[in-house]
Amino acid sequence: MPIARILAALLSMLALGTCAARNIALVQEHHGREFRCDRRYVRAEHVEGERWVSRGCGFEADWDCRNRRCELHDARAHGMGAP
């Protein structure tokens, strides 16, 4: 039985990793569309739950992503000399 539990845990971790990679790409895509920026210049990171932060092309944004849709909550200039 321990082998079955180990395999189940490994499969669960693999599924979570795949899901995280898909969500990163989704956040990058939404950020790119919102700020007219090529997504290859966007970094995204998971904050907690459904919350994500993206940075790129002079902007930082907070997102809530559910069911392959992201909603922008807040955006601000990032790394620029803006007031």
PDB file of N, CA and C in Angstrom:
ATOM      1  N   MET A   1       0.784  -1.214   0.000  1.00  0.00           N
ATOM      2  CA  MET A   1       0.000   0.000   0.000  1.00  0.00           C
ATOM      3  C   MET A   1       0.829   1.284   0.000  1.00  0.00           C
ATOM      4  N   PRO A   2       1.952   1.352   0.673  1.00  0.00           N
ATOM      5  CA  PRO A   2       2.717   2.591   0.658  1.00  0.00           C
ATOM      6  C   PRO A   2       3.103   3.016  -0.747  1.00  0.00           C
ATOM      7  N   ILE A   3       3.383   2.069  -1.631  1.00  0.00           N
ATOM      8  CA  ILE A   3       3.761   2.414  -3.003  1.00  0.00           C
ATOM      9  C   ILE A   3       2.589   3.089  -3.714  1.00  0.00           C
ATOM     10  N   ALA A   4       1.391   2.612  -3.489  1.00  0.00           N
ATOM     11  CA  ALA A   4       0.209   3.208  -4.110  1.00  0.00           C
ATOM     12  C   ALA A   4       0.019   4.641  -3.623  1.00  0.00           C
ATOM     13  N   ARG A   5       0.261   4.868  -2.345  1.00  0.00           N
ATOM     14  CA  ARG A   5       0.131   6.229  -1.797  1.00  0.00           C
ATOM     15  C   ARG A   5       1.190   7.162  -2.378  1.00  0.00           C
ATOM     16  N   ILE A   6       2.380   6.646  -2.515  1.00  0.00           N
ATOM     17  CA  ILE A   6       3.466   7.451  -3.088  1.00  0.00           C
ATOM     18  C   ILE A   6       3.143   7.809  -4.537  1.00  0.00           C
ATOM     19  N   LEU A   7       2.679   6.838  -5.299  1.00  0.00           N
ATOM     20  CA  LEU A   7       2.304   7.103  -6.694  1.00  0.00           C
ATOM     21  C   LEU A   7       1.163   8.104  -6.781  1.00  0.00           C
ATOM     22  N   ALA A   8       0.170   7.975  -5.904  1.00  0.00           N
ATOM     23  CA  ALA A   8      -0.948   8.920  -5.895  1.00  0.00           C
ATOM     24  C   ALA A   8      -0.461  10.329  -5.578  1.00  0.00           C
ATOM     25  N   ALA A   9       0.456  10.449  -4.622  1.00  0.00           N
ATOM     26  CA  ALA A   9       1.007  11.760  -4.262  1.00  0.00           C
ATOM     27  C   ALA A   9       1.794  12.359  -5.426  1.00  0.00           C
ATOM     28  N   LEU A  10       2.584  11.535  -6.099  1.00  0.00           N
ATOM     29  CA  LEU A  10       3.360  12.022  -7.247  1.00  0.00           C
ATOM     30  C   LEU A  10       2.457  12.484  -8.378  1.00  0.00           C
ATOM     31  N   LEU A  11       1.410  11.723  -8.657  1.00  0.00           N
ATOM     32  CA  LEU A  11       0.464  12.115  -9.707  1.00  0.00           C
ATOM     33  C   LEU A  11      -0.255  13.413  -9.347  1.00  0.00           C
ATOM     34  N   SER A  12      -0.598  13.567  -8.083  1.00  0.00           N
ATOM     35  CA  SER A  12      -1.257  14.794  -7.627  1.00  0.00           C
ATOM     36  C   SER A  12      -0.331  15.995  -7.797  1.00  0.00           C
ATOM     37  N   MET A  13       0.950  15.836  -7.435  1.00  0.00           N
ATOM     38  CA  MET A  13       1.906  16.929  -7.586  1.00  0.00           C
ATOM     39  C   MET A  13       2.115  17.276  -9.051  1.00  0.00           C
ATOM     40  N   LEU A  14       2.152  16.280  -9.911  1.00  0.00           N
ATOM     41  CA  LEU A  14       2.304  16.518 -11.347  1.00  0.00           C
ATOM     42  C   LEU A  14       1.115  17.287 -11.897  1.00  0.00           C
ATOM     43  N   ALA A  15      -0.087  16.912 -11.482  1.00  0.00           N
ATOM     44  CA  ALA A  15      -1.298  17.610 -11.935  1.00  0.00           C
ATOM     45  C   ALA A  15      -1.298  19.055 -11.463  1.00  0.00           C
ATOM     46  N   LEU A  16      -0.898  19.304 -10.224  1.00  0.00           N
ATOM     47  CA  LEU A  16      -0.840  20.669  -9.713  1.00  0.00           C
ATOM     48  C   LEU A  16       0.190  21.494 -10.463  1.00  0.00           C
ATOM     49  N   GLY A  17       1.338  20.903 -10.790  1.00  0.00           N
ATOM     50  CA  GLY A  17       2.371  21.609 -11.549  1.00  0.00           C
ATOM     51  C   GLY A  17       1.892  21.981 -12.934  1.00  0.00           C
ATOM     52  N   THR A  18       1.178  21.086 -13.590  1.00  0.00           N
ATOM     53  CA  THR A  18       0.625  21.354 -14.919  1.00  0.00           C
ATOM     54  C   THR A  18      -0.403  22.467 -14.847  1.00  0.00           C
ATOM     55  N   CYS A  19      -1.238  22.426 -13.822  1.00  0.00           N
ATOM     56  CA  CYS A  19      -2.269  23.451 -13.639  1.00  0.00           C
ATOM     57  C   CYS A  19      -1.620  24.816 -13.396  1.00  0.00           C
ATOM     58  N   ALA A  20      -0.577  24.855 -12.567  1.00  0.00           N
ATOM     59  CA  ALA A  20       0.108  26.116 -12.280  1.00  0.00           C
ATOM     60  C   ALA A  20       0.722  26.693 -13.547  1.00  0.00           C
ATOM     61  N   ALA A  21       1.342  25.862 -14.370  1.00  0.00           N
ATOM     62  CA  ALA A  21       1.946  26.344 -15.615  1.00  0.00           C
ATOM     63  C   ALA A  21       0.885  26.904 -16.540  1.00  0.00           C
ATOM     64  N   ARG A  22      -0.271  26.257 -16.598  1.00  0.00           N
ATOM     65  CA  ARG A  22      -1.362  26.737 -17.450  1.00  0.00           C
ATOM     66  C   ARG A  22      -1.876  28.083 -16.938  1.00  0.00           C
ATOM     67  N   ASN A  23      -1.990  28.225 -15.617  1.00  0.00           N
ATOM     68  CA  ASN A  23      -2.467  29.487 -15.049  1.00  0.00           C
ATOM     69  C   ASN A  23      -1.465  30.616 -15.255  1.00  0.00           C
ATOM     70  N   ILE A  24      -0.179  30.316 -15.175  1.00  0.00           N
ATOM     71  CA  ILE A  24       0.839  31.336 -15.437  1.00  0.00           C
ATOM     72  C   ILE A  24       0.685  31.857 -16.858  1.00  0.00           C
ATOM     73  N   ALA A  25       0.538  30.963 -17.814  1.00  0.00           N
ATOM     74  CA  ALA A  25       0.362  31.361 -19.211  1.00  0.00           C
ATOM     75  C   ALA A  25      -0.914  32.183 -19.380  1.00  0.00           C
ATOM     76  N   LEU A  26      -1.966  31.820 -18.664  1.00  0.00           N
ATOM     77  CA  LEU A  26      -3.235  32.546 -18.750  1.00  0.00           C
ATOM     78  C   LEU A  26      -3.085  33.971 -18.216  1.00  0.00           C
ATOM     79  N   VAL A  27      -2.429  34.121 -17.075  1.00  0.00           N
ATOM     80  CA  VAL A  27      -2.211  35.456 -16.495  1.00  0.00           C
ATOM     81  C   VAL A  27      -1.327  36.288 -17.429  1.00  0.00           C
ATOM     82  N   GLN A  28      -0.283  35.685 -17.990  1.00  0.00           N
ATOM     83  CA  GLN A  28       0.583  36.401 -18.927  1.00  0.00           C
ATOM     84  C   GLN A  28      -0.216  36.880 -20.136  1.00  0.00           C
ATOM     85  N   GLU A  29      -1.090  36.045 -20.631  1.00  0.00           N
ATOM     86  CA  GLU A  29      -1.913  36.401 -21.790  1.00  0.00           C
ATOM     87  C   GLU A  29      -2.838  37.577 -21.462  1.00  0.00           C
ATOM     88  N   HIS A  30      -3.505  37.533 -20.313  1.00  0.00           N
ATOM     89  CA  HIS A  30      -4.406  38.618 -19.928  1.00  0.00           C
ATOM     90  C   HIS A  30      -3.642  39.923 -19.699  1.00  0.00           C
ATOM     91  N   HIS A  31      -2.487  39.842 -19.034  1.00  0.00           N
ATOM     92  CA  HIS A  31      -1.673  41.037 -18.802  1.00  0.00           C
ATOM     93  C   HIS A  31      -1.246  41.640 -20.146  1.00  0.00           C
ATOM     94  N   GLY A  32      -0.793  40.793 -21.042  1.00  0.00           N
ATOM     95  CA  GLY A  32      -0.364  41.262 -22.354  1.00  0.00           C
ATOM     96  C   GLY A  32      -1.473  41.954 -23.113  1.00  0.00           C
ATOM     97  N   ARG A  33      -2.664  41.386 -23.051  1.00  0.00           N
ATOM     98  CA  ARG A  33      -3.803  41.983 -23.748  1.00  0.00           C
ATOM     99  C   ARG A  33      -4.197  43.318 -23.099  1.00  0.00           C
ATOM    100  N   GLU A  34      -4.213  43.353 -21.771  1.00  0.00           N
ATOM    101  CA  GLU A  34      -4.636  44.559 -21.044  1.00  0.00           C
ATOM    102  C   GLU A  34      -3.679  45.725 -21.268  1.00  0.00           C
ATOM    103  N   PHE A  35      -2.375  45.447 -21.283  1.00  0.00           N
ATOM    104  CA  PHE A  35      -1.382  46.520 -21.356  1.00  0.00           C
ATOM    105  C   PHE A  35      -0.648  46.575 -22.698  1.00  0.00           C
ATOM    106  N   ARG A  36      -1.190  45.875 -23.708  1.00  0.00           N
ATOM    107  CA  ARG A  36      -0.601  45.847 -25.051  1.00  0.00           C
ATOM    108  C   ARG A  36       0.896  45.534 -24.976  1.00  0.00           C
ATOM    109  N   CYS A  37       1.156  44.348 -24.464  1.00  0.00           N
ATOM    110  CA  CYS A  37       2.518  43.928 -24.159  1.00  0.00           C
ATOM    111  C   CYS A  37       2.686  42.479 -24.620  1.00  0.00           C
ATOM    112  N   ASP A  38       3.816  42.150 -25.191  1.00  0.00           N
ATOM    113  CA  ASP A  38       4.087  40.770 -25.580  1.00  0.00           C
ATOM    114  C   ASP A  38       4.219  39.929 -24.316  1.00  0.00           C
ATOM    115  N   ARG A  39       3.494  38.828 -24.250  1.00  0.00           N
ATOM    116  CA  ARG A  39       3.455  38.031 -23.022  1.00  0.00           C
ATOM    117  C   ARG A  39       4.808  37.452 -22.628  1.00  0.00           C
ATOM    118  N   ARG A  40       5.745  37.397 -23.549  1.00  0.00           N
ATOM    119  CA  ARG A  40       7.071  36.881 -23.181  1.00  0.00           C
ATOM    120  C   ARG A  40       7.805  37.834 -22.242  1.00  0.00           C
ATOM    121  N   TYR A  41       7.326  39.081 -22.135  1.00  0.00           N
ATOM    122  CA  TYR A  41       7.929  40.049 -21.227  1.00  0.00           C
ATOM    123  C   TYR A  41       7.189  40.135 -19.899  1.00  0.00           C
ATOM    124  N   VAL A  42       6.232  39.264 -19.685  1.00  0.00           N
ATOM    125  CA  VAL A  42       5.394  39.300 -18.479  1.00  0.00           C
ATOM    126  C   VAL A  42       5.774  38.156 -17.551  1.00  0.00           C
ATOM    127  N   ARG A  43       5.943  38.478 -16.277  1.00  0.00           N
ATOM    128  CA  ARG A  43       6.157  37.458 -15.251  1.00  0.00           C
ATOM    129  C   ARG A  43       4.896  37.380 -14.408  1.00  0.00           C
ATOM    130  N   ALA A  44       4.494  36.179 -14.076  1.00  0.00           N
ATOM    131  CA  ALA A  44       3.308  35.975 -13.250  1.00  0.00           C
ATOM    132  C   ALA A  44       3.661  35.066 -12.091  1.00  0.00           C
ATOM    133  N   GLU A  45       3.068  35.365 -10.939  1.00  0.00           N
ATOM    134  CA  GLU A  45       3.285  34.494  -9.785  1.00  0.00           C
ATOM    135  C   GLU A  45       1.992  34.347  -8.997  1.00  0.00           C
ATOM    136  N   HIS A  46       1.851  33.193  -8.420  1.00  0.00           N
ATOM    137  CA  HIS A  46       0.673  32.864  -7.627  1.00  0.00           C
ATOM    138  C   HIS A  46       0.812  33.489  -6.250  1.00  0.00           C
ATOM    139  N   VAL A  47      -0.231  34.157  -5.771  1.00  0.00           N
ATOM    140  CA  VAL A  47      -0.201  34.765  -4.447  1.00  0.00           C
ATOM    141  C   VAL A  47      -0.834  33.807  -3.443  1.00  0.00           C
ATOM    142  N   GLU A  48      -2.115  33.487  -3.655  1.00  0.00           N
ATOM    143  CA  GLU A  48      -2.826  32.512  -2.833  1.00  0.00           C
ATOM    144  C   GLU A  48      -4.195  32.282  -3.437  1.00  0.00           C
ATOM    145  N   GLY A  49      -4.747  31.125  -3.211  1.00  0.00           N
ATOM    146  CA  GLY A  49      -6.072  30.818  -3.738  1.00  0.00           C
ATOM    147  C   GLY A  49      -6.149  31.055  -5.233  1.00  0.00           C
ATOM    148  N   GLU A  50      -7.013  31.969  -5.626  1.00  0.00           N
ATOM    149  CA  GLU A  50      -7.198  32.313  -7.040  1.00  0.00           C
ATOM    150  C   GLU A  50      -6.494  33.615  -7.407  1.00  0.00           C
ATOM    151  N   ARG A  51      -5.701  34.160  -6.496  1.00  0.00           N
ATOM    152  CA  ARG A  51      -5.055  35.452  -6.710  1.00  0.00           C
ATOM    153  C   ARG A  51      -3.671  35.298  -7.334  1.00  0.00           C
ATOM    154  N   TRP A  52      -3.390  36.159  -8.318  1.00  0.00           N
ATOM    155  CA  TRP A  52      -2.131  36.172  -9.043  1.00  0.00           C
ATOM    156  C   TRP A  52      -1.630  37.607  -9.174  1.00  0.00           C
ATOM    157  N   VAL A  53      -0.331  37.779  -9.344  1.00  0.00           N
ATOM    158  CA  VAL A  53       0.286  39.080  -9.620  1.00  0.00           C
ATOM    159  C   VAL A  53       1.103  38.928 -10.897  1.00  0.00           C
ATOM    160  N   SER A  54       1.008  39.942 -11.759  1.00  0.00           N
ATOM    161  CA  SER A  54       1.807  39.935 -12.990  1.00  0.00           C
ATOM    162  C   SER A  54       2.587  41.234 -13.086  1.00  0.00           C
ATOM    163  N   ARG A  55       3.769  41.134 -13.686  1.00  0.00           N
ATOM    164  CA  ARG A  55       4.624  42.314 -13.898  1.00  0.00           C
ATOM    165  C   ARG A  55       5.211  42.243 -15.292  1.00  0.00           C
ATOM    166  N   GLY A  56       5.160  43.381 -15.977  1.00  0.00           N
ATOM    167  CA  GLY A  56       5.762  43.435 -17.296  1.00  0.00           C
ATOM    168  C   GLY A  56       5.397  44.695 -18.032  1.00  0.00           C
ATOM    169  N   CYS A  57       6.299  45.156 -18.885  1.00  0.00           N
ATOM    170  CA  CYS A  57       6.084  46.323 -19.741  1.00  0.00           C
ATOM    171  C   CYS A  57       5.685  47.557 -18.943  1.00  0.00           C
ATOM    172  N   GLY A  58       6.275  47.708 -17.765  1.00  0.00           N
ATOM    173  CA  GLY A  58       6.049  48.910 -16.969  1.00  0.00           C
ATOM    174  C   GLY A  58       4.827  48.872 -16.074  1.00  0.00           C
ATOM    175  N   PHE A  59       4.141  47.733 -15.989  1.00  0.00           N
ATOM    176  CA  PHE A  59       2.941  47.638 -15.157  1.00  0.00           C
ATOM    177  C   PHE A  59       2.995  46.420 -14.252  1.00  0.00           C
ATOM    178  N   GLU A  60       2.337  46.564 -13.112  1.00  0.00           N
ATOM    179  CA  GLU A  60       2.121  45.453 -12.194  1.00  0.00           C
ATOM    180  C   GLU A  60       0.621  45.359 -11.982  1.00  0.00           C
ATOM    181  N   ALA A  61       0.070  44.145 -11.959  1.00  0.00           N
ATOM    182  CA  ALA A  61      -1.377  43.983 -11.856  1.00  0.00           C
ATOM    183  C   ALA A  61      -1.731  42.817 -10.940  1.00  0.00           C
ATOM    184  N   ASP A  62      -2.871  42.963 -10.272  1.00  0.00           N
ATOM    185  CA  ASP A  62      -3.426  41.906  -9.425  1.00  0.00           C
ATOM    186  C   ASP A  62      -4.609  41.296 -10.156  1.00  0.00           C
ATOM    187  N   TRP A  63      -4.674  39.974 -10.167  1.00  0.00           N
ATOM    188  CA  TRP A  63      -5.706  39.254 -10.902  1.00  0.00           C
ATOM    189  C   TRP A  63      -6.416  38.236 -10.018  1.00  0.00           C
ATOM    190  N   ASP A  64      -7.657  37.971 -10.344  1.00  0.00           N
ATOM    191  CA  ASP A  64      -8.420  36.874  -9.760  1.00  0.00           C
ATOM    192  C   ASP A  64      -8.785  35.960 -10.928  1.00  0.00           C
ATOM    193  N   CYS A  65      -8.238  34.746 -10.944  1.00  0.00           N
ATOM    194  CA  CYS A  65      -8.436  33.843 -12.087  1.00  0.00           C
ATOM    195  C   CYS A  65      -9.231  32.613 -11.672  1.00  0.00           C
ATOM    196  N   ARG A  66     -10.343  32.390 -12.375  1.00  0.00           N
ATOM    197  CA  ARG A  66     -11.195  31.230 -12.140  1.00  0.00           C
ATOM    198  C   ARG A  66     -11.747  30.758 -13.480  1.00  0.00           C
ATOM    199  N   ASN A  67     -11.794  29.448 -13.649  1.00  0.00           N
ATOM    200  CA  ASN A  67     -12.402  28.853 -14.847  1.00  0.00           C
ATOM    201  C   ASN A  67     -11.846  29.430 -16.145  1.00  0.00           C
ATOM    202  N   ARG A  68     -10.518  29.525 -16.236  1.00  0.00           N
ATOM    203  CA  ARG A  68      -9.830  30.009 -17.443  1.00  0.00           C
ATOM    204  C   ARG A  68     -10.164  31.465 -17.782  1.00  0.00           C
ATOM    205  N   ARG A  69     -10.616  32.227 -16.797  1.00  0.00           N
ATOM    206  CA  ARG A  69     -10.891  33.660 -16.972  1.00  0.00           C
ATOM    207  C   ARG A  69     -10.223  34.436 -15.862  1.00  0.00           C
ATOM    208  N   CYS A  70      -9.612  35.545 -16.196  1.00  0.00           N
ATOM    209  CA  CYS A  70      -8.962  36.385 -15.193  1.00  0.00           C
ATOM    210  C   CYS A  70      -9.635  37.759 -15.164  1.00  0.00           C
ATOM    211  N   GLU A  71      -9.845  38.241 -13.954  1.00  0.00           N
ATOM    212  CA  GLU A  71     -10.426  39.572 -13.764  1.00  0.00           C
ATOM    213  C   GLU A  71      -9.371  40.470 -13.122  1.00  0.00           C
ATOM    214  N   LEU A  72      -9.146  41.625 -13.719  1.00  0.00           N
ATOM    215  CA  LEU A  72      -8.177  42.585 -13.214  1.00  0.00           C
ATOM    216  C   LEU A  72      -8.747  43.281 -11.986  1.00  0.00           C
ATOM    217  N   HIS A  73      -7.989  43.284 -10.882  1.00  0.00           N
ATOM    218  CA  HIS A  73      -8.438  43.947  -9.659  1.00  0.00           C
ATOM    219  C   HIS A  73      -7.737  45.276  -9.438  1.00  0.00           C
ATOM    220  N   ASP A  74      -6.462  45.338  -9.769  1.00  0.00           N
ATOM    221  CA  ASP A  74      -5.707  46.565  -9.533  1.00  0.00           C
ATOM    222  C   ASP A  74      -4.502  46.579 -10.469  1.00  0.00           C
ATOM    223  N   ALA A  75      -4.117  47.767 -10.914  1.00  0.00           N
ATOM    224  CA  ALA A  75      -2.941  47.906 -11.765  1.00  0.00           C
ATOM    225  C   ALA A  75      -2.217  49.189 -11.385  1.00  0.00           C
ATOM    226  N   ARG A  76      -0.912  49.151 -11.533  1.00  0.00           N
ATOM    227  CA  ARG A  76      -0.109  50.321 -11.200  1.00  0.00           C
ATOM    228  C   ARG A  76       1.169  50.316 -12.042  1.00  0.00           C
ATOM    229  N   ALA A  77       1.754  51.501 -12.188  1.00  0.00           N
ATOM    230  CA  ALA A  77       3.022  51.606 -12.899  1.00  0.00           C
ATOM    231  C   ALA A  77       4.082  50.870 -12.089  1.00  0.00           C
ATOM    232  N   HIS A  78       4.974  50.203 -12.766  1.00  0.00           N
ATOM    233  CA  HIS A  78       5.990  49.406 -12.092  1.00  0.00           C
ATOM    234  C   HIS A  78       7.324  49.601 -12.802  1.00  0.00           C
ATOM    235  N   GLY A  79       8.313  50.023 -12.038  1.00  0.00           N
ATOM    236  CA  GLY A  79       9.644  50.164 -12.627  1.00  0.00           C
ATOM    237  C   GLY A  79       9.760  51.325 -13.591  1.00  0.00           C
ATOM    238  N   MET A  80       8.913  52.318 -13.420  1.00  0.00           N
ATOM    239  CA  MET A  80       8.942  53.480 -14.303  1.00  0.00           C
ATOM    240  C   MET A  80       9.084  54.738 -13.449  1.00  0.00           C
ATOM    241  N   GLY A  81       9.417  55.822 -14.053  1.00  0.00           N
ATOM    242  CA  GLY A  81       9.537  57.090 -13.344  1.00  0.00           C
ATOM    243  C   GLY A  81       8.212  57.826 -13.253  1.00  0.00           C
ATOM    244  N   ALA A  82       7.114  57.106 -13.199  1.00  0.00           N
ATOM    245  CA  ALA A  82       5.794  57.742 -13.152  1.00  0.00           C
ATOM    246  C   ALA A  82       5.486  58.231 -11.739  1.00  0.00           C
ATOM    247  N   PRO A  83       4.781  59.339 -11.619  1.00  0.00           N
ATOM    248  CA  PRO A  83       4.415  59.839 -10.284  1.00  0.00           C
ATOM    249  C   PRO A  83       3.376  58.967  -9.615  1.00  0.00           C
TER     250      PRO A  83
END
